[in-house]
Amino acid sequence: MLEWLIQYDSALFQLINSSWNNALFDFLMPLFRNKTFWIPLYIVIAAVLTYKYKLKVLPILLLFLLTVLLADQISSELIKKSVQRLRPCNDPLLQESLRLLIECGKGFSFTSSHATNHFALAFLFNAFLGPVLLPNKKNGRVFFAVACFLWAFFIAYAQVYVGVHYPLDVTAGAVLGTALAALTYKLYKLLTNNYLKK
């Protein structure tokens, strides 16, 4: 079962990286997975949260920071170093067909920390921004949630497209990041005793 999954994962990686490519994605995907590219977005989100929540924003920003730190450490230090899966760009069997659009890096591949961190952020963006931007608008809230997770999806997809992660790496990272953010958000709500009313 595991061997079949690895083979399917490798085949899907080669489709995304070597076959399903175009000039637009060749330009956009390296940008999407670049952490500094999204700094303006994070500044805008922090400003909106501050405007909407006033002083109550401090524990929220702390929650964001702690959640991403937890997600990153579990992915990078615990899982990657335990599984020790080679990145596709470091796999000798893929060198002839691989399209590497950025520097490969020396770390391991499973799970993708980019996917873990950004899906955790997507969950929290939706949890805190959705209620204040679209109160009493159920359809709008659904659309906003989809937009948040599509943002994280394209960042994760970019990791495969540029050649540094397999699809399974980013899928597992997405599940891990979402689950961790859901857990920290639940703990936050319990600890603050429903301090931020919706």
Protein backbone atom coordinates (compact mmCIF):
# COMPACT_ATOMS: atom_id res chain seq x y z
CA MET A 1 0.00 0.00 0.00
CA LEU A 2 2.76 2.45 1.00
CA GLU A 3 4.83 1.56 -2.06
CA TRP A 4 1.83 2.19 -4.33
CA LEU A 5 1.21 5.54 -2.65
CA ILE A 6 4.85 6.61 -3.12
CA GLN A 7 4.76 5.61 -6.79
CA TYR A 8 1.52 7.53 -7.38
CA ASP A 9 2.94 10.52 -5.52
CA SER A 10 6.07 10.52 -7.66
CA ALA A 11 4.03 10.21 -10.88
CA LEU A 12 1.77 13.10 -9.87
CA PHE A 13 4.82 15.18 -8.96
CA GLN A 14 6.28 14.65 -12.43
CA LEU A 15 3.00 15.68 -14.06
CA ILE A 16 2.80 18.91 -12.05
CA ASN A 17 6.47 19.75 -12.27
CA SER A 18 7.37 18.59 -15.76
CA SER A 19 4.15 18.47 -17.82
CA TRP A 20 1.54 20.84 -16.39
CA ASN A 21 3.64 23.97 -16.76
CA ASN A 22 3.38 27.29 -18.54
CA ALA A 23 5.21 30.60 -18.70
CA LEU A 24 2.78 32.38 -16.36
CA PHE A 25 3.14 29.76 -13.62
CA ASP A 26 6.90 29.69 -14.16
CA PHE A 27 6.86 33.36 -13.17
CA LEU A 28 4.20 33.24 -10.41
CA MET A 29 4.93 30.03 -8.53
CA PRO A 30 8.43 30.96 -7.31
CA LEU A 31 6.92 34.23 -6.05
CA PHE A 32 3.98 32.54 -4.34
CA ARG A 33 6.19 30.28 -2.27
CA ASN A 34 8.54 33.14 -1.33
CA LYS A 35 7.83 34.17 2.27
CA THR A 36 8.71 37.83 1.74
CA PHE A 37 6.27 38.14 -1.18
CA TRP A 38 3.32 38.00 1.24
CA ILE A 39 4.62 40.53 3.78
CA PRO A 40 2.34 43.33 2.42
CA LEU A 41 -0.66 41.02 2.81
CA TYR A 42 0.29 40.23 6.40
CA ILE A 43 0.66 43.94 7.18
CA VAL A 44 -2.80 44.66 5.76
CA ILE A 45 -4.34 41.77 7.71
CA ALA A 46 -2.65 42.92 10.94
CA ALA A 47 -3.95 46.45 10.32
CA VAL A 48 -7.52 45.22 9.71
CA LEU A 49 -7.42 43.04 12.82
CA THR A 50 -6.12 45.97 14.88
CA TYR A 51 -8.82 48.26 13.51
CA LYS A 52 -11.60 45.77 14.19
CA TYR A 53 -10.45 44.31 17.52
CA LYS A 54 -8.59 47.31 19.03
CA LEU A 55 -6.56 46.23 22.10
CA LYS A 56 -8.09 42.78 21.93
CA VAL A 57 -5.83 42.20 18.91
CA LEU A 58 -2.77 41.54 21.09
CA PRO A 59 -3.74 38.01 22.18
CA ILE A 60 -4.92 37.32 18.63
CA LEU A 61 -1.56 38.26 17.14
CA LEU A 62 0.15 36.19 19.83
CA LEU A 63 -2.05 33.25 18.84
CA PHE A 64 -1.00 33.65 15.19
CA LEU A 65 2.67 33.74 16.17
CA LEU A 66 2.49 30.73 18.50
CA THR A 67 0.43 28.67 16.05
CA VAL A 68 2.86 29.21 13.17
CA LEU A 69 5.82 28.55 15.46
CA LEU A 70 4.23 25.31 16.68
CA ALA A 71 3.31 24.23 13.14
CA ASP A 72 6.78 24.99 11.82
CA GLN A 73 8.59 23.18 14.62
CA ILE A 74 6.42 20.07 14.42
CA SER A 75 6.82 19.91 10.63
CA SER A 76 10.51 20.84 10.37
CA GLU A 77 12.01 19.42 13.54
CA LEU A 78 9.78 16.51 14.50
CA ILE A 79 8.27 15.01 11.35
CA LYS A 80 10.90 15.84 8.71
CA LYS A 81 13.79 14.60 10.82
CA SER A 82 11.88 11.44 11.74
CA VAL A 83 10.67 10.53 8.22
CA GLN A 84 13.78 11.78 6.37
CA ARG A 85 12.25 11.71 2.90
CA LEU A 86 14.48 13.13 0.19
CA ARG A 87 13.26 16.19 -1.64
CA PRO A 88 12.46 15.43 -5.29
CA CYS A 89 15.16 17.88 -6.35
CA ASN A 90 17.70 15.77 -4.40
CA ASP A 91 16.49 12.44 -5.78
CA PRO A 92 18.99 11.07 -8.36
CA LEU A 93 16.19 9.16 -10.12
CA LEU A 94 14.37 12.39 -11.02
CA GLN A 95 17.27 14.54 -12.14
CA GLU A 96 16.77 14.03 -15.87
CA SER A 97 13.12 15.11 -15.89
CA LEU A 98 13.07 17.58 -12.99
CA ARG A 99 12.37 21.28 -13.59
CA LEU A 100 13.95 23.09 -10.64
CA LEU A 101 12.90 26.75 -10.57
CA ILE A 102 14.50 27.71 -7.24
CA GLU A 103 17.40 26.54 -5.08
CA CYS A 104 16.74 23.02 -3.85
CA GLY A 105 17.76 23.22 -0.21
CA LYS A 106 19.31 20.51 1.95
CA GLY A 107 16.41 19.72 4.26
CA PHE A 108 14.03 16.81 4.07
CA SER A 109 10.73 16.80 2.19
CA PHE A 110 7.91 15.34 4.33
CA THR A 111 6.01 17.30 5.52
CA SER A 112 6.10 20.63 3.70
CA SER A 113 6.54 23.38 6.27
CA HIS A 114 5.32 25.95 3.75
CA ALA A 115 2.04 24.07 3.43
CA THR A 116 1.78 23.47 7.18
CA ASN A 117 2.36 27.11 8.11
CA HIS A 118 0.16 28.66 5.44
CA PHE A 119 -2.80 26.35 5.98
CA ALA A 120 -2.56 27.17 9.69
CA LEU A 121 -2.63 30.87 8.78
CA ALA A 122 -5.53 30.35 6.38
CA PHE A 123 -7.58 28.76 9.16
CA LEU A 124 -6.88 31.66 11.53
CA PHE A 125 -7.46 34.32 8.86
CA ASN A 126 -10.87 32.82 8.24
CA ALA A 127 -11.64 32.41 11.94
CA PHE A 128 -10.87 36.01 12.89
CA LEU A 129 -11.45 38.04 9.72
CA GLY A 130 -14.56 36.30 8.42
CA PRO A 131 -16.84 37.26 11.34
CA VAL A 132 -15.85 40.95 11.33
CA LEU A 133 -15.66 41.50 7.58
CA LEU A 134 -18.82 39.59 6.70
CA PRO A 135 -21.12 39.51 9.74
CA ASN A 136 -24.49 37.88 9.12
CA LYS A 137 -23.57 36.98 5.54
CA LYS A 138 -23.45 33.20 5.36
CA ASN A 139 -22.67 32.99 1.63
CA GLY A 140 -20.00 35.64 1.97
CA ARG A 141 -18.40 33.76 4.86
CA VAL A 142 -18.27 30.60 2.80
CA PHE A 143 -16.67 32.47 -0.10
CA PHE A 144 -14.14 34.07 2.25
CA ALA A 145 -13.23 30.69 3.76
CA VAL A 146 -12.73 29.23 0.28
CA ALA A 147 -10.56 32.21 -0.67
CA CYS A 148 -8.38 31.77 2.44
CA PHE A 149 -7.77 28.10 1.77
CA LEU A 150 -7.27 28.64 -1.98
CA TRP A 151 -4.51 31.08 -1.07
CA ALA A 152 -2.83 28.40 1.05
CA PHE A 153 -3.45 25.79 -1.67
CA PHE A 154 -1.63 27.79 -4.33
CA ILE A 155 1.34 28.32 -2.02
CA ALA A 156 1.45 24.58 -1.37
CA TYR A 157 0.99 23.79 -5.08
CA ALA A 158 3.89 26.12 -5.85
CA GLN A 159 6.17 23.92 -3.73
CA VAL A 160 5.47 21.01 -6.05
CA TYR A 161 5.55 23.10 -9.22
CA VAL A 162 9.02 24.52 -8.53
CA GLY A 163 10.41 21.06 -7.74
CA VAL A 164 11.10 21.04 -3.99
CA HIS A 165 8.19 18.94 -2.63
CA TYR A 166 5.99 16.00 -3.57
CA PRO A 167 2.18 16.32 -3.59
CA LEU A 168 1.95 14.07 -0.54
CA ASP A 169 4.30 16.39 1.37
CA VAL A 170 2.07 19.40 0.85
CA THR A 171 -1.15 17.44 1.39
CA ALA A 172 0.07 16.16 4.75
CA GLY A 173 1.31 19.64 5.59
CA ALA A 174 -2.10 21.10 4.77
CA VAL A 175 -3.88 18.63 7.05
CA LEU A 176 -1.33 19.15 9.83
CA GLY A 177 -1.47 22.95 9.65
CA THR A 178 -5.26 23.07 9.58
CA ALA A 179 -5.56 20.63 12.49
CA LEU A 180 -3.01 22.49 14.61
CA ALA A 181 -4.69 25.85 13.96
CA ALA A 182 -8.09 24.38 14.83
CA LEU A 183 -6.63 23.07 18.08
CA THR A 184 -4.89 26.32 19.07
CA TYR A 185 -7.99 28.33 18.16
CA LYS A 186 -10.14 26.05 20.32
CA LEU A 187 -7.72 26.44 23.22
CA TYR A 188 -7.67 30.19 22.69
CA LYS A 189 -11.47 30.35 22.89
CA LEU A 190 -11.46 28.26 26.05
CA LEU A 191 -8.72 30.29 27.72
CA THR A 192 -10.28 33.64 26.91
CA ASN A 193 -13.72 32.33 27.95
CA ASN A 194 -15.34 33.67 24.82
CA TYR A 195 -13.65 37.05 25.35
CA LEU A 196 -14.06 38.08 21.72
CA LYS A 197 -17.78 37.99 21.06
CA LYS A 198 -18.94 37.26 17.54
